[in-house]
Amino acid sequence: MTAEYSDSHSDGTVVDVKLFRAIGLFHILNFTAQTGRDGYDGRRHRTVLRVYFWLVIVTIIFNIGGMYLSYNDFQRFTYLTLCVTVSLPCSLKSYVLSRKADTDRLRAVLDMARYAFTSCGRSDPSRLSRRSAALSALLRTFVTINYCTVFFWMLAPFFIHASLSVTHLDGTVSEYRNSILNLWVPLPDAAYNSSAGWSVVYAYEAIVFTGNLIILLMFDCYVLTTCFALNAHFRTLVDGYTALGRRTPGPTLGDEYYSRLICLVDDNQRVVKKFYDFYDVVQSVVKLQIACSTVSGIISIFFAILMFMSGWSLVSPPVLKFFSAYVIVMAQLGIYCFAFSYVETAKSAVNFGLYSSDWTAKDLKFKKTMLLAMKMNSSYQRIAKLTPTNTINLEMLYGVIKTSYSIVSLLLNTAVELKAEE
């Protein structure tokens, strides 16, 4: 597979190879190890990810300590909670991508993105080709939005002249210069606010923030690519099953139909196995990402509205920072909810394709094989779930957005009531 990935889609793969190269995922997954050159790059990239993983862990520990020290400051405590919940999934993603065993499994799963992975995909690559074009547009838009957000956040401190007030455990209040993330760092107030100290903090936060973005892009682009490929393969299987037996009867078509059925069943098993392998690797990350995105999204919109109610303009940098954070977090949540719902919808349609084939007019051997295929496909009941009762789908995203809307309405109504009392 590795030798077949070029910089275009003409080689018959759903993967946007140019984008994978640009964000570093191509080297992390070590697609070109057979050349003897990029195998080293794969190890080097994974080493950088391991170092970054420990940097994020230290950052999380520092800010959990900062949450304790800000116990008397509700806004600061809530903001640091937001920073921790955003960093947790990134730390786990960097850990998974830094382990060769996991990246080998991720690369093996992505073999399924080739059109020729299944016989039906090789003979009818139309759905895979359409998914490839749509996926490329979606991923590039997602990457562009994320990079624009990072650029805005990194420039924002130079336009926010107000200081950050923090109430400590003993009740004293300190003023700090605004930085990119305003993380808690073990520095005295005077050292933090000095030009040299602030520059060091800014550089540290820039590394953490940019690293989080790159990890996010690599992992989320991989998940979306795999889910689009799975959907396309399942839809191609549905088309293959539906068309089975629809040709004009002839003396030799019986064996041809049976051979085609066996081929489709084999393709179905291969695709389902790749789905199981994929979910085994990413399920812990997916569950943590969805849980943290839910919390982060609600906190982000809470802060945006709270700052607006405090007198900041809607187009001011602080308010725009939190609105952009809300958009990115909701986009992440939407990606996972949509991607797994997208796969499940196509996987569930396979049985419909089986029933839609002209199997009733065939011989007994064909019917028995078809019924066996139906039973086997019905046994593929593994569904991506956050909890035993909560399936990962678009309804989950709707619930988070609805909660966010309730918070916005509550805060605005409270502000109106307080203003009326005055």
Protein backbone atom coordinates (compact mmCIF):
# COMPACT_ATOMS: atom_id res chain seq x y z
CA MET A 1 0.00 0.00 0.00
CA THR A 2 2.70 2.48 0.97
CA ALA A 3 4.24 2.62 -2.46
CA GLU A 4 0.90 3.47 -4.00
CA TYR A 5 0.41 6.84 -2.32
CA SER A 6 1.38 9.70 -4.58
CA ASP A 7 0.49 13.37 -4.37
CA SER A 8 -2.75 13.05 -6.32
CA HIS A 9 -5.96 11.09 -6.23
CA SER A 10 -5.24 9.40 -9.55
CA ASP A 11 -3.71 6.44 -7.75
CA GLY A 12 -7.17 5.44 -6.48
CA THR A 13 -7.37 6.39 -2.81
CA VAL A 14 -9.73 8.47 -0.69
CA VAL A 15 -6.73 9.90 1.20
CA ASP A 16 -5.81 13.52 0.46
CA VAL A 17 -2.09 12.80 0.30
CA LYS A 18 -1.01 16.42 -0.19
CA LEU A 19 -2.88 17.47 2.94
CA PHE A 20 -1.54 14.51 4.94
CA ARG A 21 1.99 15.57 3.97
CA ALA A 22 1.31 19.22 4.85
CA ILE A 23 0.07 18.49 8.38
CA GLY A 24 2.73 15.82 9.09
CA LEU A 25 0.42 12.82 9.29
CA PHE A 26 2.03 11.18 6.26
CA HIS A 27 5.33 10.90 8.16
CA ILE A 28 3.76 10.01 11.50
CA LEU A 29 2.03 7.00 9.93
CA ASN A 30 5.25 6.28 8.00
CA PHE A 31 3.58 5.59 4.67
CA THR A 32 6.87 5.68 2.75
CA ALA A 33 8.93 3.42 5.00
CA GLN A 34 9.67 1.12 2.07
CA THR A 35 11.84 3.80 0.47
CA GLY A 36 14.33 3.55 3.32
CA ARG A 37 14.32 7.32 3.78
CA ASP A 38 11.09 8.31 5.51
CA GLY A 39 11.20 5.46 7.99
CA TYR A 40 13.63 7.57 10.00
CA ASP A 41 11.34 10.57 9.68
CA GLY A 42 8.54 8.54 11.18
CA ARG A 43 10.62 7.75 14.25
CA ARG A 44 11.75 11.36 14.54
CA HIS A 45 8.21 12.70 14.34
CA ARG A 46 7.02 10.22 16.95
CA THR A 47 9.87 11.26 19.26
CA VAL A 48 8.76 14.89 18.97
CA LEU A 49 5.21 13.80 19.79
CA ARG A 50 6.40 11.96 22.91
CA VAL A 51 8.21 15.09 24.10
CA TYR A 52 5.14 17.17 23.38
CA PHE A 53 2.93 14.66 25.23
CA TRP A 54 4.94 15.18 28.42
CA LEU A 55 4.88 18.96 27.90
CA VAL A 56 1.08 18.87 27.76
CA ILE A 57 0.91 16.61 30.83
CA VAL A 58 3.06 19.07 32.80
CA THR A 59 0.86 21.94 31.55
CA ILE A 60 -2.28 20.12 32.68
CA ILE A 61 -0.78 19.44 36.12
CA PHE A 62 0.25 23.09 36.50
CA ASN A 63 -3.23 24.30 35.61
CA ILE A 64 -4.96 21.83 37.91
CA GLY A 65 -2.81 23.40 40.62
CA GLY A 66 -3.85 26.80 39.29
CA MET A 67 -7.50 25.77 39.60
CA TYR A 68 -6.93 25.05 43.29
CA LEU A 69 -5.15 28.37 43.83
CA SER A 70 -8.02 30.17 42.04
CA TYR A 71 -10.71 28.55 44.13
CA ASN A 72 -11.96 31.99 45.27
CA ASP A 73 -12.12 33.31 41.69
CA PHE A 74 -15.00 31.63 39.86
CA GLN A 75 -14.18 33.03 36.42
CA ARG A 76 -10.49 32.08 36.66
CA PHE A 77 -11.34 28.62 38.00
CA THR A 78 -13.82 28.02 35.17
CA TYR A 79 -11.38 29.30 32.55
CA LEU A 80 -8.60 26.97 33.73
CA THR A 81 -11.13 24.13 33.66
CA LEU A 82 -11.71 25.00 30.00
CA CYS A 83 -7.95 24.90 29.31
CA VAL A 84 -7.59 21.50 30.99
CA THR A 85 -10.58 19.95 29.20
CA VAL A 86 -9.25 21.15 25.83
CA SER A 87 -5.75 19.81 26.55
CA LEU A 88 -6.77 16.35 27.79
CA PRO A 89 -7.86 14.94 24.39
CA CYS A 90 -4.79 16.46 22.71
CA SER A 91 -2.52 14.73 25.20
CA LEU A 92 -4.16 11.36 24.53
CA LYS A 93 -4.03 11.93 20.75
CA SER A 94 -0.32 12.75 20.92
CA TYR A 95 0.26 9.62 23.03
CA VAL A 96 -1.52 7.38 20.51
CA LEU A 97 0.29 8.94 17.54
CA SER A 98 3.66 8.63 19.30
CA ARG A 99 3.36 4.84 19.77
CA LYS A 100 4.62 2.80 16.83
CA ALA A 101 2.24 -0.07 17.62
CA ASP A 102 -0.75 2.26 17.33
CA THR A 103 0.49 4.09 14.23
CA ASP A 104 1.13 0.75 12.53
CA ARG A 105 -2.47 -0.25 13.24
CA LEU A 106 -3.76 3.12 12.05
CA ARG A 107 -1.77 2.80 8.84
CA ALA A 108 -3.04 -0.75 8.29
CA VAL A 109 -6.64 0.43 8.71
CA LEU A 110 -6.12 3.18 6.14
CA ASP A 111 -5.25 0.53 3.55
CA MET A 112 -9.03 0.32 3.27
CA ALA A 113 -9.07 3.83 1.73
CA ARG A 114 -7.83 2.40 -1.58
CA TYR A 115 -10.48 1.94 -4.26
CA ALA A 116 -9.05 -1.52 -5.00
CA PHE A 117 -9.33 -2.70 -1.39
CA THR A 118 -12.53 -4.54 -2.35
CA SER A 119 -13.47 -6.15 -5.65
CA CYS A 120 -16.68 -4.10 -5.86
CA GLY A 121 -14.74 -0.89 -5.18
CA ARG A 122 -12.29 -1.82 -7.91
CA SER A 123 -15.05 -2.52 -10.44
CA ASP A 124 -17.23 0.47 -9.43
CA PRO A 125 -15.13 3.24 -7.80
CA SER A 126 -17.72 5.97 -8.42
CA ARG A 127 -18.83 6.34 -4.78
CA LEU A 128 -15.24 6.28 -3.52
CA SER A 129 -14.25 8.90 -6.08
CA ARG A 130 -17.12 11.20 -5.06
CA ARG A 131 -16.32 10.75 -1.36
CA SER A 132 -12.68 11.57 -2.09
CA ALA A 133 -13.55 14.93 -3.66
CA ALA A 134 -16.02 15.86 -0.90
CA LEU A 135 -13.61 14.77 1.83
CA SER A 136 -10.74 16.79 0.40
CA ALA A 137 -12.85 19.96 0.33
CA LEU A 138 -14.11 19.36 3.88
CA LEU A 139 -10.67 18.65 5.35
CA ARG A 140 -9.01 21.62 3.69
CA THR A 141 -11.76 23.94 4.92
CA PHE A 142 -11.41 22.52 8.43
CA VAL A 143 -7.63 22.97 8.41
CA THR A 144 -7.89 26.54 7.08
CA ILE A 145 -10.40 27.56 9.76
CA ASN A 146 -8.21 26.11 12.50
CA TYR A 147 -5.08 27.87 11.29
CA CYS A 148 -6.96 31.17 11.02
CA THR A 149 -8.17 30.71 14.60
CA VAL A 150 -4.65 30.08 15.87
CA PHE A 151 -3.37 33.14 14.00
CA PHE A 152 -6.09 35.29 15.57
CA TRP A 153 -5.45 33.97 19.10
CA MET A 154 -1.70 34.56 18.79
CA LEU A 155 -2.23 38.16 17.66
CA ALA A 156 -4.98 38.96 20.18
CA PRO A 157 -2.66 39.70 23.19
CA PHE A 158 -1.14 42.63 21.27
CA PHE A 159 -4.57 44.25 20.92
CA ILE A 160 -5.96 43.54 24.41
CA HIS A 161 -4.63 46.24 26.70
CA ALA A 162 -6.77 45.37 29.73
CA SER A 163 -5.04 43.31 32.41
CA LEU A 164 -6.23 40.00 33.82
CA SER A 165 -7.41 40.17 37.45
CA VAL A 166 -6.98 37.00 39.53
CA THR A 167 -8.20 36.51 43.11
CA HIS A 168 -5.94 34.18 45.11
CA LEU A 169 -6.77 31.79 47.95
CA ASP A 170 -5.89 34.40 50.58
CA GLY A 171 -8.23 36.94 48.97
CA THR A 172 -5.51 39.11 47.44
CA VAL A 173 -5.96 40.27 43.85
CA SER A 174 -3.16 40.32 41.27
CA GLU A 175 -3.07 41.91 37.83
CA TYR A 176 -1.43 40.06 34.92
CA ARG A 177 -0.72 40.95 31.31
CA ASN A 178 -2.91 39.08 28.86
CA SER A 179 -1.19 36.34 26.89
CA ILE A 180 -2.41 33.80 24.32
CA LEU A 181 -4.02 31.34 26.73
CA ASN A 182 -3.46 32.98 30.14
CA LEU A 183 -2.37 29.64 31.59
CA TRP A 184 -1.17 29.36 35.17
CA VAL A 185 2.63 29.33 35.41
CA PRO A 186 4.80 29.21 38.57
CA LEU A 187 6.15 32.76 38.29
CA PRO A 188 5.94 35.71 40.73
CA ASP A 189 3.69 38.57 39.64
CA ALA A 190 6.58 40.94 38.93
CA ALA A 191 8.47 38.36 36.87
CA TYR A 192 5.35 37.44 34.89
CA ASN A 193 4.55 41.06 34.03
CA SER A 194 8.11 41.96 33.04
CA SER A 195 8.90 42.08 29.32
CA ALA A 196 11.28 39.12 29.53
CA GLY A 197 8.93 37.02 31.67
CA TRP A 198 5.92 37.75 29.50
CA SER A 199 7.90 36.90 26.36
CA VAL A 200 8.85 33.51 27.82
CA VAL A 201 5.23 32.82 28.81
CA TYR A 202 4.05 33.90 25.35
CA ALA A 203 6.53 31.56 23.63
CA TYR A 204 5.57 28.68 25.93
CA GLU A 205 1.85 29.18 25.30
CA ALA A 206 2.47 29.54 21.54
CA ILE A 207 4.20 26.13 21.51
CA VAL A 208 1.41 24.49 23.51
CA PHE A 209 -1.35 26.11 21.46
CA THR A 210 0.22 25.39 18.06
CA GLY A 211 1.09 21.84 19.12
CA ASN A 212 -2.49 21.21 20.22
CA LEU A 213 -3.72 22.45 16.85
CA ILE A 214 -1.36 20.21 14.86
CA ILE A 215 -2.26 17.13 16.95
CA LEU A 216 -5.95 17.96 16.56
CA LEU A 217 -5.64 18.30 12.79
CA MET A 218 -3.67 15.10 12.33
CA PHE A 219 -5.98 12.90 14.37
CA ASP A 220 -9.27 14.44 13.25
CA CYS A 221 -8.28 14.36 9.57
CA TYR A 222 -7.41 10.68 9.99
CA VAL A 223 -10.76 9.90 11.63
CA LEU A 224 -12.73 11.75 8.96
CA THR A 225 -10.79 10.10 6.14
CA THR A 226 -11.35 6.62 7.55
CA CYS A 227 -15.05 7.20 8.18
CA PHE A 228 -15.60 8.58 4.66
CA ALA A 229 -13.81 5.56 3.19
CA LEU A 230 -15.88 3.16 5.31
CA ASN A 231 -19.10 4.87 4.24
CA ALA A 232 -18.12 4.69 0.57
CA HIS A 233 -17.23 0.99 0.80
CA PHE A 234 -20.48 0.11 2.61
CA ARG A 235 -22.50 2.09 0.04
CA THR A 236 -20.67 0.32 -2.78
CA LEU A 237 -21.54 -3.01 -1.16
CA VAL A 238 -25.19 -1.96 -0.98
CA ASP A 239 -25.14 -1.16 -4.70
CA GLY A 240 -23.49 -4.50 -5.42
CA TYR A 241 -26.02 -6.51 -3.40
CA THR A 242 -28.96 -4.59 -4.88
CA ALA A 243 -27.82 -5.24 -8.45
CA LEU A 244 -27.26 -8.95 -7.77
CA GLY A 245 -29.47 -11.11 -10.00
CA ARG A 246 -30.96 -8.24 -11.99
CA ARG A 247 -29.50 -9.29 -15.33
CA THR A 248 -31.50 -11.23 -17.93
CA PRO A 249 -31.48 -14.95 -17.02
CA GLY A 250 -29.19 -17.20 -19.04
CA PRO A 251 -27.83 -20.73 -18.88
CA THR A 252 -24.52 -19.77 -17.26
CA LEU A 253 -25.55 -16.87 -15.04
CA GLY A 254 -26.44 -19.01 -12.02
CA ASP A 255 -22.82 -19.79 -11.18
CA GLU A 256 -21.85 -16.21 -11.99
CA TYR A 257 -24.42 -14.84 -9.52
CA TYR A 258 -23.25 -17.23 -6.84
CA SER A 259 -19.58 -16.31 -7.37
CA ARG A 260 -20.49 -12.64 -7.24
CA LEU A 261 -22.39 -13.15 -3.98
CA ILE A 262 -19.42 -14.92 -2.39
CA CYS A 263 -17.15 -12.09 -3.56
CA LEU A 264 -19.46 -9.45 -2.03
CA VAL A 265 -19.68 -11.34 1.27
CA ASP A 266 -15.89 -11.52 1.40
CA ASP A 267 -15.66 -7.77 0.70
CA ASN A 268 -18.21 -7.12 3.44
CA GLN A 269 -16.19 -9.10 5.98
CA ARG A 270 -12.99 -7.26 5.08
CA VAL A 271 -14.59 -3.82 5.43
CA VAL A 272 -16.26 -4.70 8.75
CA LYS A 273 -12.95 -6.01 10.11
CA LYS A 274 -11.28 -2.71 9.22
CA PHE A 275 -14.07 -0.84 11.01
CA TYR A 276 -13.55 -2.94 14.14
CA ASP A 277 -9.77 -2.46 14.00
CA PHE A 278 -10.24 1.28 13.53
CA TYR A 279 -12.63 1.64 16.45
CA ASP A 280 -10.42 -0.47 18.74
CA VAL A 281 -7.58 2.04 18.28
CA VAL A 282 -9.53 5.31 18.44
CA GLN A 283 -12.42 4.58 20.82
CA SER A 284 -10.69 5.87 23.98
CA VAL A 285 -9.69 9.10 22.21
CA VAL A 286 -13.15 9.53 20.69
CA LYS A 287 -14.94 9.13 24.02
CA LEU A 288 -12.60 11.54 25.80
CA GLN A 289 -12.82 14.05 22.95
CA ILE A 290 -16.62 14.05 22.94
CA ALA A 291 -16.85 14.38 26.73
CA CYS A 292 -14.29 17.20 26.85
CA SER A 293 -15.73 18.99 23.80
CA THR A 294 -19.14 19.00 25.46
CA VAL A 295 -17.75 20.66 28.59
CA SER A 296 -15.45 23.00 26.63
CA GLY A 297 -18.21 24.16 24.30
CA ILE A 298 -20.53 25.07 27.14
CA ILE A 299 -17.78 26.91 29.04
CA SER A 300 -16.64 28.78 25.90
CA ILE A 301 -20.06 30.18 25.08
CA PHE A 302 -20.58 30.97 28.78
CA PHE A 303 -17.42 33.11 28.83
CA ALA A 304 -18.22 34.81 25.52
CA ILE A 305 -21.65 35.93 26.73
CA LEU A 306 -20.33 36.79 30.19
CA MET A 307 -17.69 39.12 28.73
CA PHE A 308 -20.26 40.69 26.41
CA MET A 309 -22.51 41.35 29.40
CA SER A 310 -19.52 42.88 31.23
CA GLY A 311 -19.28 45.61 28.62
CA TRP A 312 -17.02 44.15 25.94
CA SER A 313 -18.10 44.61 22.33
CA LEU A 314 -19.10 41.54 20.31
CA VAL A 315 -16.25 42.31 17.90
CA SER A 316 -13.65 42.87 20.64
CA PRO A 317 -10.70 40.41 20.72
CA PRO A 318 -11.62 38.76 24.07
CA VAL A 319 -15.21 38.01 23.00
CA LEU A 320 -14.12 36.87 19.53
CA LYS A 321 -11.52 34.57 21.10
CA PHE A 322 -14.17 32.69 23.05
CA PHE A 323 -16.62 32.65 20.16
CA SER A 324 -13.91 31.21 17.91
CA ALA A 325 -13.07 28.65 20.60
CA TYR A 326 -16.73 27.67 20.73
CA VAL A 327 -16.86 27.27 16.94
CA ILE A 328 -13.72 25.08 16.89
CA VAL A 329 -14.87 22.92 19.80
CA MET A 330 -18.31 22.45 18.24
CA ALA A 331 -16.65 21.64 14.92
CA GLN A 332 -14.60 18.94 16.64
CA LEU A 333 -17.66 17.53 18.34
CA GLY A 334 -19.59 17.72 15.07
CA ILE A 335 -16.83 15.88 13.21
CA TYR A 336 -16.96 12.90 15.54
CA CYS A 337 -20.75 12.82 15.81
CA PHE A 338 -21.17 13.14 12.05
CA ALA A 339 -18.37 10.74 11.11
CA PHE A 340 -19.57 7.79 13.19
CA SER A 341 -23.21 8.46 12.33
CA TYR A 342 -22.15 8.54 8.67
CA VAL A 343 -20.53 5.11 8.97
CA GLU A 344 -23.39 3.59 10.96
CA THR A 345 -26.00 4.76 8.45
CA ALA A 346 -24.14 3.11 5.58
CA LYS A 347 -23.39 -0.05 7.57
CA SER A 348 -27.05 -0.43 8.50
CA ALA A 349 -28.06 -0.10 4.84
CA VAL A 350 -26.14 -3.24 3.84
CA ASN A 351 -28.95 -5.52 4.99
CA PHE A 352 -31.37 -3.47 2.92
CA GLY A 353 -29.14 -4.10 -0.09
CA LEU A 354 -29.20 -7.82 0.65
CA TYR A 355 -33.01 -7.90 0.81
CA SER A 356 -33.24 -5.80 -2.36
CA SER A 357 -31.37 -8.35 -4.48
CA ASP A 358 -33.34 -10.75 -6.68
CA TRP A 359 -32.54 -13.72 -4.45
CA THR A 360 -36.01 -15.30 -4.34
CA ALA A 361 -35.75 -16.46 -7.98
CA LYS A 362 -32.42 -18.24 -7.46
CA ASP A 363 -31.60 -21.85 -6.63
CA LEU A 364 -31.45 -23.33 -3.13
CA LYS A 365 -27.66 -22.99 -2.78
CA PHE A 366 -27.85 -19.29 -3.59
CA LYS A 367 -30.74 -18.75 -1.16
CA LYS A 368 -28.93 -20.52 1.69
CA THR A 369 -25.80 -18.47 1.10
CA MET A 370 -27.87 -15.27 0.95
CA LEU A 371 -29.63 -16.08 4.24
CA LEU A 372 -26.28 -16.85 5.83
CA ALA A 373 -24.98 -13.48 4.61
CA MET A 374 -28.03 -11.75 6.12
CA LYS A 375 -27.50 -13.44 9.49
CA MET A 376 -23.80 -12.65 9.43
CA ASN A 377 -24.41 -9.00 8.57
CA SER A 378 -27.05 -8.73 11.32
CA SER A 379 -24.40 -9.89 13.80
CA TYR A 380 -22.26 -6.83 13.03
CA GLN A 381 -23.93 -4.80 15.78
CA ARG A 382 -20.94 -2.94 17.15
CA ILE A 383 -21.93 0.73 17.39
CA ALA A 384 -19.79 3.68 18.52
CA LYS A 385 -21.14 4.72 21.93
CA LEU A 386 -20.08 7.27 24.52
CA THR A 387 -21.84 5.28 27.27
CA PRO A 388 -23.83 2.04 27.09
CA THR A 389 -26.97 4.11 26.46
CA ASN A 390 -25.61 7.12 24.49
CA THR A 391 -24.80 6.49 20.84
CA ILE A 392 -22.35 8.83 19.11
CA ASN A 393 -24.52 10.53 16.49
CA LEU A 394 -25.80 13.94 15.42
CA GLU A 395 -28.46 13.89 18.13
CA MET A 396 -25.66 14.19 20.68
CA LEU A 397 -24.37 17.33 18.93
CA TYR A 398 -27.89 18.76 18.91
CA GLY A 399 -28.12 18.22 22.67
CA VAL A 400 -24.92 20.19 23.32
CA ILE A 401 -26.00 23.06 21.05
CA LYS A 402 -29.39 23.12 22.77
CA THR A 403 -27.69 23.34 26.18
CA SER A 404 -25.47 26.17 24.90
CA TYR A 405 -28.54 28.05 23.69
CA SER A 406 -30.18 27.60 27.10
CA ILE A 407 -27.13 29.10 28.81
CA VAL A 408 -27.08 32.07 26.44
CA SER A 409 -30.80 32.68 27.01
CA LEU A 410 -30.42 32.42 30.79
CA LEU A 411 -27.53 34.88 30.92
CA LEU A 412 -29.20 37.40 28.62
CA ASN A 413 -32.50 37.22 30.53
CA THR A 414 -30.63 37.68 33.80
CA ALA A 415 -28.84 40.73 32.40
CA VAL A 416 -32.13 42.25 31.23
CA GLU A 417 -33.75 41.67 34.64
CA LEU A 418 -30.81 43.24 36.49
CA LYS A 419 -30.85 46.24 34.19
CA ALA A 420 -34.60 46.66 34.71
CA GLU A 421 -34.15 46.60 38.50
CA GLU A 422 -31.60 49.40 38.27
